[in-house]
Protein backbone atom coordinates (compact mmCIF):
# COMPACT_ATOMS: atom_id res chain seq x y z
CA UNK A 1 -67.54 258.01 316.13
CA UNK A 2 -64.30 259.26 316.07
CA UNK A 3 -63.69 263.14 317.70
CA UNK A 4 -60.96 264.68 316.99
CA UNK A 5 -59.53 268.14 317.91
CA UNK A 6 -56.75 270.50 317.18
CA UNK A 7 -55.46 272.21 320.46
CA UNK A 8 -52.19 273.96 322.27
CA UNK A 9 -51.38 274.28 325.49
CA UNK A 10 -47.98 275.70 327.49
CA UNK A 11 -46.92 278.49 329.73
CA UNK A 12 -47.21 281.25 326.83
CA UNK A 13 -50.88 279.62 325.33
CA UNK A 14 -52.20 279.13 328.16
CA UNK A 15 -54.94 276.24 329.01
CA UNK A 16 -57.83 277.22 327.77
CA UNK A 17 -58.17 275.88 325.16
CA UNK A 18 -57.51 272.76 326.02
CA UNK A 19 -59.93 272.52 328.91
CA UNK A 20 -62.88 273.54 327.18
CA UNK A 21 -61.32 271.12 324.20
CA UNK A 22 -60.94 268.26 326.72
CA UNK A 23 -64.60 269.06 328.28
CA UNK A 24 -66.30 268.13 325.28
CA UNK A 25 -63.69 264.94 324.44
CA UNK A 26 -64.87 264.45 327.88
CA UNK A 27 -68.47 264.33 327.00
CA UNK A 28 -68.74 262.91 323.32
CA UNK A 29 -66.18 259.62 325.39
CA UNK A 30 -69.31 259.48 327.41
CA UNK A 31 -71.33 258.52 324.11
CA UNK A 32 -68.15 255.34 323.29
CA UNK A 33 -66.65 257.98 321.16
CA UNK A 34 -62.45 258.16 320.01
CA UNK A 35 -60.74 260.54 321.13
CA UNK A 36 -58.23 262.03 319.41
CA UNK A 37 -55.33 265.04 320.49
CA UNK A 38 -54.05 266.10 317.15
CA UNK A 39 -50.70 269.28 318.70
CA UNK A 40 -48.22 271.10 318.20
CA UNK A 41 -47.28 272.27 321.58
CA UNK A 42 -48.27 270.40 324.65
CA UNK A 43 -46.57 269.93 328.58
CA UNK A 44 -45.28 266.13 328.39
CA UNK A 45 -47.30 265.69 331.74
CA UNK A 46 -50.35 267.01 329.73
CA UNK A 47 -50.49 264.35 326.56
CA UNK A 48 -49.60 261.30 329.64
CA UNK A 49 -52.66 262.58 331.12
CA UNK A 50 -54.36 262.47 327.99
CA UNK A 51 -53.58 258.87 327.43
CA UNK A 52 -53.85 257.73 330.30
CA UNK A 53 -57.74 258.73 330.16
CA UNK A 54 -57.87 256.88 326.64
CA UNK A 55 -57.08 260.22 324.48
CA UNK A 56 -55.13 259.40 321.48
CA UNK A 57 -52.80 261.69 321.06
CA UNK A 58 -50.85 263.24 317.93
CA UNK A 59 -47.81 265.35 317.61
CA UNK A 60 -47.91 267.05 314.50
CA UNK A 61 -44.53 269.32 312.69
CA UNK A 62 -45.00 274.16 313.42
CA UNK A 63 -47.44 275.53 313.09
CA UNK A 64 -45.89 276.87 309.34
CA UNK A 65 -46.77 272.47 307.68
CA UNK A 66 -49.40 271.92 310.07
CA UNK A 67 -52.11 271.14 307.42
CA UNK A 68 -50.06 268.92 305.89
CA UNK A 69 -49.12 267.14 308.53
CA UNK A 70 -52.57 267.09 309.68
CA UNK A 71 -53.99 265.78 307.16
CA UNK A 72 -51.69 262.53 307.05
CA UNK A 73 -52.69 261.46 310.47
CA UNK A 74 -55.70 261.91 309.71
CA UNK A 75 -56.02 259.43 306.76
CA UNK A 76 -53.74 257.29 308.50
CA UNK A 77 -56.20 256.55 311.24
CA UNK A 78 -58.33 253.21 311.08
CA UNK A 79 -62.25 255.52 310.39
CA UNK A 80 -62.59 258.26 309.12
CA UNK A 81 -62.71 261.57 311.75
CA UNK A 82 -66.72 262.44 312.40
CA UNK A 83 -66.41 265.59 313.43
CA UNK A 84 -62.54 268.11 313.78
CA UNK A 85 -63.27 270.09 316.35
CA UNK A 86 -59.64 273.18 315.75
CA UNK A 87 -59.82 275.78 318.21
CA UNK A 88 -56.32 277.22 317.60
CA UNK A 89 -55.77 281.64 317.39
CA UNK A 90 -54.25 280.62 314.26
CA UNK A 91 -56.33 279.04 311.79
CA UNK A 92 -58.26 280.83 309.94
CA UNK A 93 -60.99 279.73 306.77
CA UNK A 94 -57.31 278.60 304.80
CA UNK A 95 -56.27 276.18 307.14
CA UNK A 96 -60.01 275.60 307.50
CA UNK A 97 -60.87 274.65 303.94
CA UNK A 98 -57.67 272.83 303.28
CA UNK A 99 -58.92 270.33 305.91
CA UNK A 100 -62.22 269.96 305.04
CA UNK A 101 -62.53 267.45 302.26
CA UNK A 102 -60.64 264.54 304.62
CA UNK A 103 -63.04 265.39 307.76
CA UNK A 104 -67.03 264.78 307.92
CA UNK A 105 -68.11 268.16 310.06
CA UNK A 106 -65.66 270.87 310.94
CA UNK A 107 -66.65 272.62 314.23
CA UNK A 108 -64.53 275.61 315.22
CA UNK A 109 -64.11 277.47 318.57
CA UNK A 110 -62.91 280.92 318.41
CA UNK A 111 -63.38 284.06 320.29
CA UNK A 112 -62.11 286.37 319.04
CA UNK A 113 -63.82 286.96 315.90
CA UNK A 114 -60.30 288.66 314.40
CA UNK A 115 -60.48 285.86 310.80
CA UNK A 116 -63.04 284.46 308.32
CA UNK A 117 -63.56 281.05 308.98
CA UNK A 118 -64.84 278.29 306.49
CA UNK A 119 -67.19 275.95 308.73
CA UNK A 120 -70.01 273.47 309.43
CA UNK A 121 -70.73 275.10 313.16
CA UNK A 122 -68.97 277.38 315.11
CA UNK A 123 -69.11 278.56 318.60
CA UNK A 124 -67.87 281.51 321.71
CA UNK A 125 -69.23 280.27 324.66
CA UNK A 126 -68.15 283.94 325.77
CA UNK A 127 -70.57 286.98 326.53
CA UNK A 128 -69.44 289.78 325.02
CA UNK A 129 -71.00 292.93 323.84
CA UNK A 130 -72.26 293.54 320.26
CA UNK A 131 -71.77 289.08 320.68
CA UNK A 132 -74.85 288.41 317.92
CA UNK A 133 -73.33 290.63 315.07
CA UNK A 134 -69.69 290.48 315.42
CA UNK A 135 -69.35 287.11 313.06
CA UNK A 136 -71.01 288.64 310.38
CA UNK A 137 -68.87 288.76 307.21
CA UNK A 138 -66.61 286.07 308.67
CA UNK A 139 -68.64 283.37 307.97
CA UNK A 140 -70.33 281.65 305.08
CA UNK A 141 -74.10 281.03 305.08
CA UNK A 142 -74.03 277.70 305.78
CA UNK A 143 -71.91 278.18 308.69
CA UNK A 144 -74.43 277.06 312.48
CA UNK A 145 -73.30 279.51 315.00
CA UNK A 146 -74.03 278.84 318.88
CA UNK A 147 -73.19 282.08 320.60
CA UNK A 148 -72.64 282.66 324.74
CA UNK A 149 -72.37 281.12 328.01
CA UNK A 150 -75.58 279.41 327.61
CA UNK A 151 -73.78 276.71 325.81
CA UNK A 152 -70.28 277.96 328.18
CA UNK A 153 -68.21 273.98 327.95
CA UNK A 154 -68.66 273.14 331.21
CA UNK A 155 -67.88 269.52 333.29
CA UNK A 156 -70.25 268.32 334.70
CA UNK A 157 -69.05 268.70 338.09
CA UNK A 158 -70.02 271.97 337.71
CA UNK A 159 -74.54 271.47 337.34
CA UNK A 160 -73.93 268.70 339.66
CA UNK A 161 -71.99 270.44 342.43
CA UNK A 162 -74.60 273.72 342.17
CA UNK A 163 -77.31 271.10 343.26
CA UNK A 164 -76.15 271.35 346.84
CA UNK A 165 -74.99 275.46 345.81
CA UNK A 166 -76.31 276.70 350.46
CA UNK A 167 -78.34 280.03 350.00
CA UNK A 168 -75.66 283.50 350.99
CA UNK A 169 -76.31 285.72 353.05
CA UNK A 170 -74.18 288.79 351.23
CA UNK A 171 -71.23 288.08 354.17
CA UNK A 172 -67.62 287.58 352.50
CA UNK A 173 -66.11 284.72 354.24
CA UNK A 174 -64.10 282.57 352.10
CA UNK A 175 -62.65 284.11 348.84
CA UNK A 176 -61.31 282.03 346.27
CA UNK A 177 -58.46 282.67 344.63
CA UNK A 178 -57.17 281.29 341.48
CA UNK A 179 -55.42 282.73 337.82
CA UNK A 180 -55.62 280.12 336.13
CA UNK A 181 -52.96 276.61 335.24
CA UNK A 182 -50.08 278.70 334.43
CA UNK A 183 -50.11 282.54 336.07
CA UNK A 184 -47.13 283.89 333.33
CA UNK A 185 -47.26 287.48 335.81
CA UNK A 186 -47.93 285.97 339.60
CA UNK A 187 -50.96 287.87 340.15
CA UNK A 188 -51.38 285.08 342.46
CA UNK A 189 -48.26 286.93 344.64
CA UNK A 190 -50.13 290.23 344.08
CA UNK A 191 -53.55 288.79 345.58
CA UNK A 192 -51.82 287.00 348.78
CA UNK A 193 -49.60 291.13 349.26
CA UNK A 194 -53.07 292.22 349.05
CA UNK A 195 -54.71 289.92 351.65
CA UNK A 196 -52.01 290.40 353.65
CA UNK A 197 -53.78 293.22 356.13
CA UNK A 198 -55.37 292.87 359.07
CA UNK A 199 -58.87 294.21 357.31
CA UNK A 200 -59.23 290.94 356.38
CA UNK A 201 -57.66 288.59 358.82
CA UNK A 202 -61.14 286.78 359.22
CA UNK A 203 -61.14 285.02 355.77
CA UNK A 204 -60.37 281.80 354.62
CA UNK A 205 -58.18 281.73 351.18
CA UNK A 206 -58.63 279.03 348.69
CA UNK A 207 -55.42 279.68 346.25
CA UNK A 208 -55.05 277.46 343.88
CA UNK A 209 -52.45 276.94 341.19
CA UNK A 210 -51.11 274.15 338.40
CA UNK A 211 -48.73 272.53 338.95
CA UNK A 212 -45.93 274.21 336.63
CA UNK A 213 -46.50 277.63 338.54
CA UNK A 214 -43.74 279.88 337.86
CA UNK A 215 -43.38 280.71 341.39
CA UNK A 216 -45.07 277.95 342.98
CA UNK A 217 -42.42 277.46 345.24
CA UNK A 218 -42.35 280.88 346.69
CA UNK A 219 -46.69 280.49 346.66
CA UNK A 220 -46.55 277.51 348.70
CA UNK A 221 -44.37 279.36 351.31
CA UNK A 222 -46.32 282.13 351.85
CA UNK A 223 -49.40 280.00 352.42
CA UNK A 224 -47.87 278.30 354.26
CA UNK A 225 -46.60 281.09 356.52
CA UNK A 226 -50.39 282.09 357.92
CA UNK A 227 -52.84 279.87 358.60
CA UNK A 228 -55.94 281.85 356.53
CA UNK A 229 -54.29 280.46 353.25
CA UNK A 230 -55.36 276.67 351.90
CA UNK A 231 -53.30 276.23 348.75
CA UNK A 232 -54.62 273.58 346.68
CA UNK A 233 -52.04 272.30 343.90
CA UNK A 234 -53.88 271.01 340.34
CA UNK A 235 -57.29 270.39 341.51
CA UNK A 236 -59.75 268.87 340.21
CA UNK A 237 -61.98 269.64 343.20
CA UNK A 238 -62.72 273.26 341.71
CA UNK A 239 -66.65 272.87 341.65
CA UNK A 240 -66.16 272.16 345.07
CA UNK A 241 -64.11 274.76 346.17
CA UNK A 242 -66.32 277.51 344.05
CA UNK A 243 -69.09 276.80 346.38
CA UNK A 244 -67.45 277.45 349.92
CA UNK A 245 -66.68 280.53 348.63
CA UNK A 246 -68.05 283.92 349.14
CA UNK A 247 -66.72 285.75 346.52
CA UNK A 248 -63.58 284.86 343.64
CA UNK A 249 -60.22 287.56 343.21
CA UNK A 250 -59.75 286.24 339.66
CA UNK A 251 -58.46 285.81 335.91
CA UNK A 252 -61.22 285.87 333.48
CA UNK A 253 -61.65 283.30 330.64
CA UNK A 254 -63.30 280.05 330.83
CA UNK A 255 -63.36 280.49 335.47
CA UNK A 256 -65.64 283.04 334.46
CA UNK A 257 -68.52 280.35 333.32
CA UNK A 258 -67.71 278.12 336.02
CA UNK A 259 -67.95 281.26 338.64
CA UNK A 260 -70.71 281.72 337.06
CA UNK A 261 -72.70 278.37 337.37
CA UNK A 262 -71.49 278.18 341.19
CA UNK A 263 -73.13 281.49 342.09
CA UNK A 264 -69.78 283.11 342.49
CA UNK A 265 -69.26 287.08 341.31
CA UNK A 266 -64.94 287.62 341.16
CA UNK A 267 -62.80 290.26 340.68
CA UNK A 268 -61.19 290.10 337.80
CA UNK A 269 -58.27 291.34 336.46
CA UNK A 270 -57.39 290.27 332.95
CA UNK A 271 -54.10 288.14 332.25
CA UNK A 272 -54.51 287.70 328.08
CA UNK A 273 -55.70 289.98 325.55
CA UNK A 274 -59.12 287.74 325.02
CA UNK A 275 -59.87 287.55 328.93
CA UNK A 276 -61.05 292.14 327.95
CA UNK A 277 -63.91 292.10 326.82
CA UNK A 278 -65.45 288.99 328.48
CA UNK A 279 -64.02 291.03 332.28
CA UNK A 280 -66.01 294.27 331.06
CA UNK A 281 -68.62 292.52 330.29
CA UNK A 282 -69.20 290.90 333.49
CA UNK A 283 -68.39 294.32 335.26
CA UNK A 284 -71.13 296.00 333.27
CA UNK A 285 -73.98 293.26 333.67
CA UNK A 286 -73.35 293.81 337.64
CA UNK A 287 -71.87 290.09 338.35
CA UNK A 288 -68.40 291.30 338.65
CA UNK A 289 -65.65 293.88 339.63
CA UNK A 290 -62.93 294.45 336.34
CA UNK A 291 -60.08 296.07 337.75
CA UNK A 292 -58.00 295.97 333.81
CA UNK A 293 -54.99 294.40 332.60
CA UNK A 294 -52.76 292.88 335.07
CA UNK A 295 -49.37 295.33 334.93
CA UNK A 296 -52.23 297.85 335.34
CA UNK A 297 -53.52 296.59 338.69
CA UNK A 298 -52.24 297.34 342.10
CA UNK A 299 -52.00 295.71 345.39
CA UNK A 300 -53.48 299.12 346.57
CA UNK A 301 -56.53 298.97 344.65
CA UNK A 302 -57.05 295.04 345.00
CA UNK A 303 -57.41 295.98 349.02
CA UNK A 304 -59.51 298.82 348.13
CA UNK A 305 -61.97 296.69 345.97
CA UNK A 306 -62.42 293.83 348.53
CA UNK A 307 -63.07 295.88 350.68
CA UNK A 308 -65.62 297.44 349.40
CA UNK A 309 -67.00 294.12 348.40
CA UNK A 310 -67.63 293.02 351.21
CA UNK A 311 -69.18 296.36 353.11
CA UNK A 312 -72.03 295.22 350.32
CA UNK A 313 -73.75 292.27 351.27
CA UNK A 314 -76.76 293.83 349.50
CA UNK A 315 -74.65 294.22 345.74
CA UNK A 316 -72.87 290.43 345.92
CA UNK A 317 -76.65 288.50 346.91
CA UNK A 318 -77.54 290.99 343.20
CA UNK A 319 -74.52 289.97 342.13
CA UNK A 320 -74.80 285.81 343.09
CA UNK A 321 -78.55 285.53 341.89
CA UNK A 322 -77.58 287.56 337.96
CA UNK A 323 -74.49 285.05 338.37
CA UNK A 324 -76.99 282.03 338.75
CA UNK A 325 -79.51 283.36 336.04
CA UNK A 326 -76.68 283.10 333.70
CA UNK A 327 -74.76 279.99 333.40
CA UNK A 328 -76.98 276.82 334.22
CA UNK A 329 -74.07 274.50 333.90
CA UNK A 330 -75.96 272.70 331.20
CA UNK A 331 -73.96 274.29 327.97
CA UNK A 332 -71.89 270.80 327.15
CA UNK A 333 -74.97 268.85 327.13
CA UNK A 334 -76.25 271.98 324.07
CA UNK A 335 -73.46 271.67 322.17
CA UNK A 336 -73.34 268.01 322.01
CA UNK A 337 -77.47 267.60 320.74
CA UNK A 338 -76.54 270.60 318.23
CA UNK A 339 -73.47 268.08 316.91
CA UNK A 340 -75.45 265.08 316.62
CA UNK A 341 -78.86 266.44 315.25
CA UNK A 342 -76.14 268.15 312.36
CA UNK A 343 -74.72 264.53 311.56
CA UNK A 344 -78.31 263.56 311.13
């Protein structure tokens, strides 16, 4: 089988689209499928990494004429494209209708529900208020939907690490800090400033950033000067670090479902518009503390919320139980099963 992905990644776009597409791609690779990534924007180091792991990368023209270019590349493939998975906010039913005749099946990954689609399968892995009705009027009757965190696309390392999770007593001894692969507003530094207090003198802190963090040298200098801070750059040990932690201070988005799989509640700051509804839902469910959008969140607010969380072990135990029930780490398997069923 040949599985194609239309996805971009950059400092401005973030890495969330790429992470979930790559997770699904790796799962299909396990079944012997050939994988092709079509993109307009992608850092060169990511392209090299994908190709090193056996994924073909095809650069398209600018978004204005990418559909025509994409169709030309699809026609040049040695085999027919069994699935094209589109994870891009600027794709809608017009572009999807144009490409449908050239692929056997079309899947869209979305979480905005702000435009019409024309596809065989739509995945929205986010638990938000009104999830069951948010795509009414936006999809043709033929489209199957997979909605909610039951279908969260998580790497297999999370379901494996989950098996050996230790029981939590609600004490906060280790904190996980991460704002995704790019962190364009440098929320990491803001959190480290908040942790610079005698109130948190006994904490261990895992600080996770991408290799292209805009202030990587600043973050490294701060971590080197404080023995509590353990810096991890472009690590592939996220599940292990989350399993060791008692509370996260982090962004929303894809990381939410990774945390929940590991039973890790979070103090959440939204760093992109598409994270706001997820973060609000996480607070309403009783798992997370949502502080607001990044430009509105102050250092003292982070400090006070962390102190309050540390003083409420019962709340943390309850949040951990809720998170573990919400995401079991098997979402990728469920998505693959549905895609295979639709091919038969």
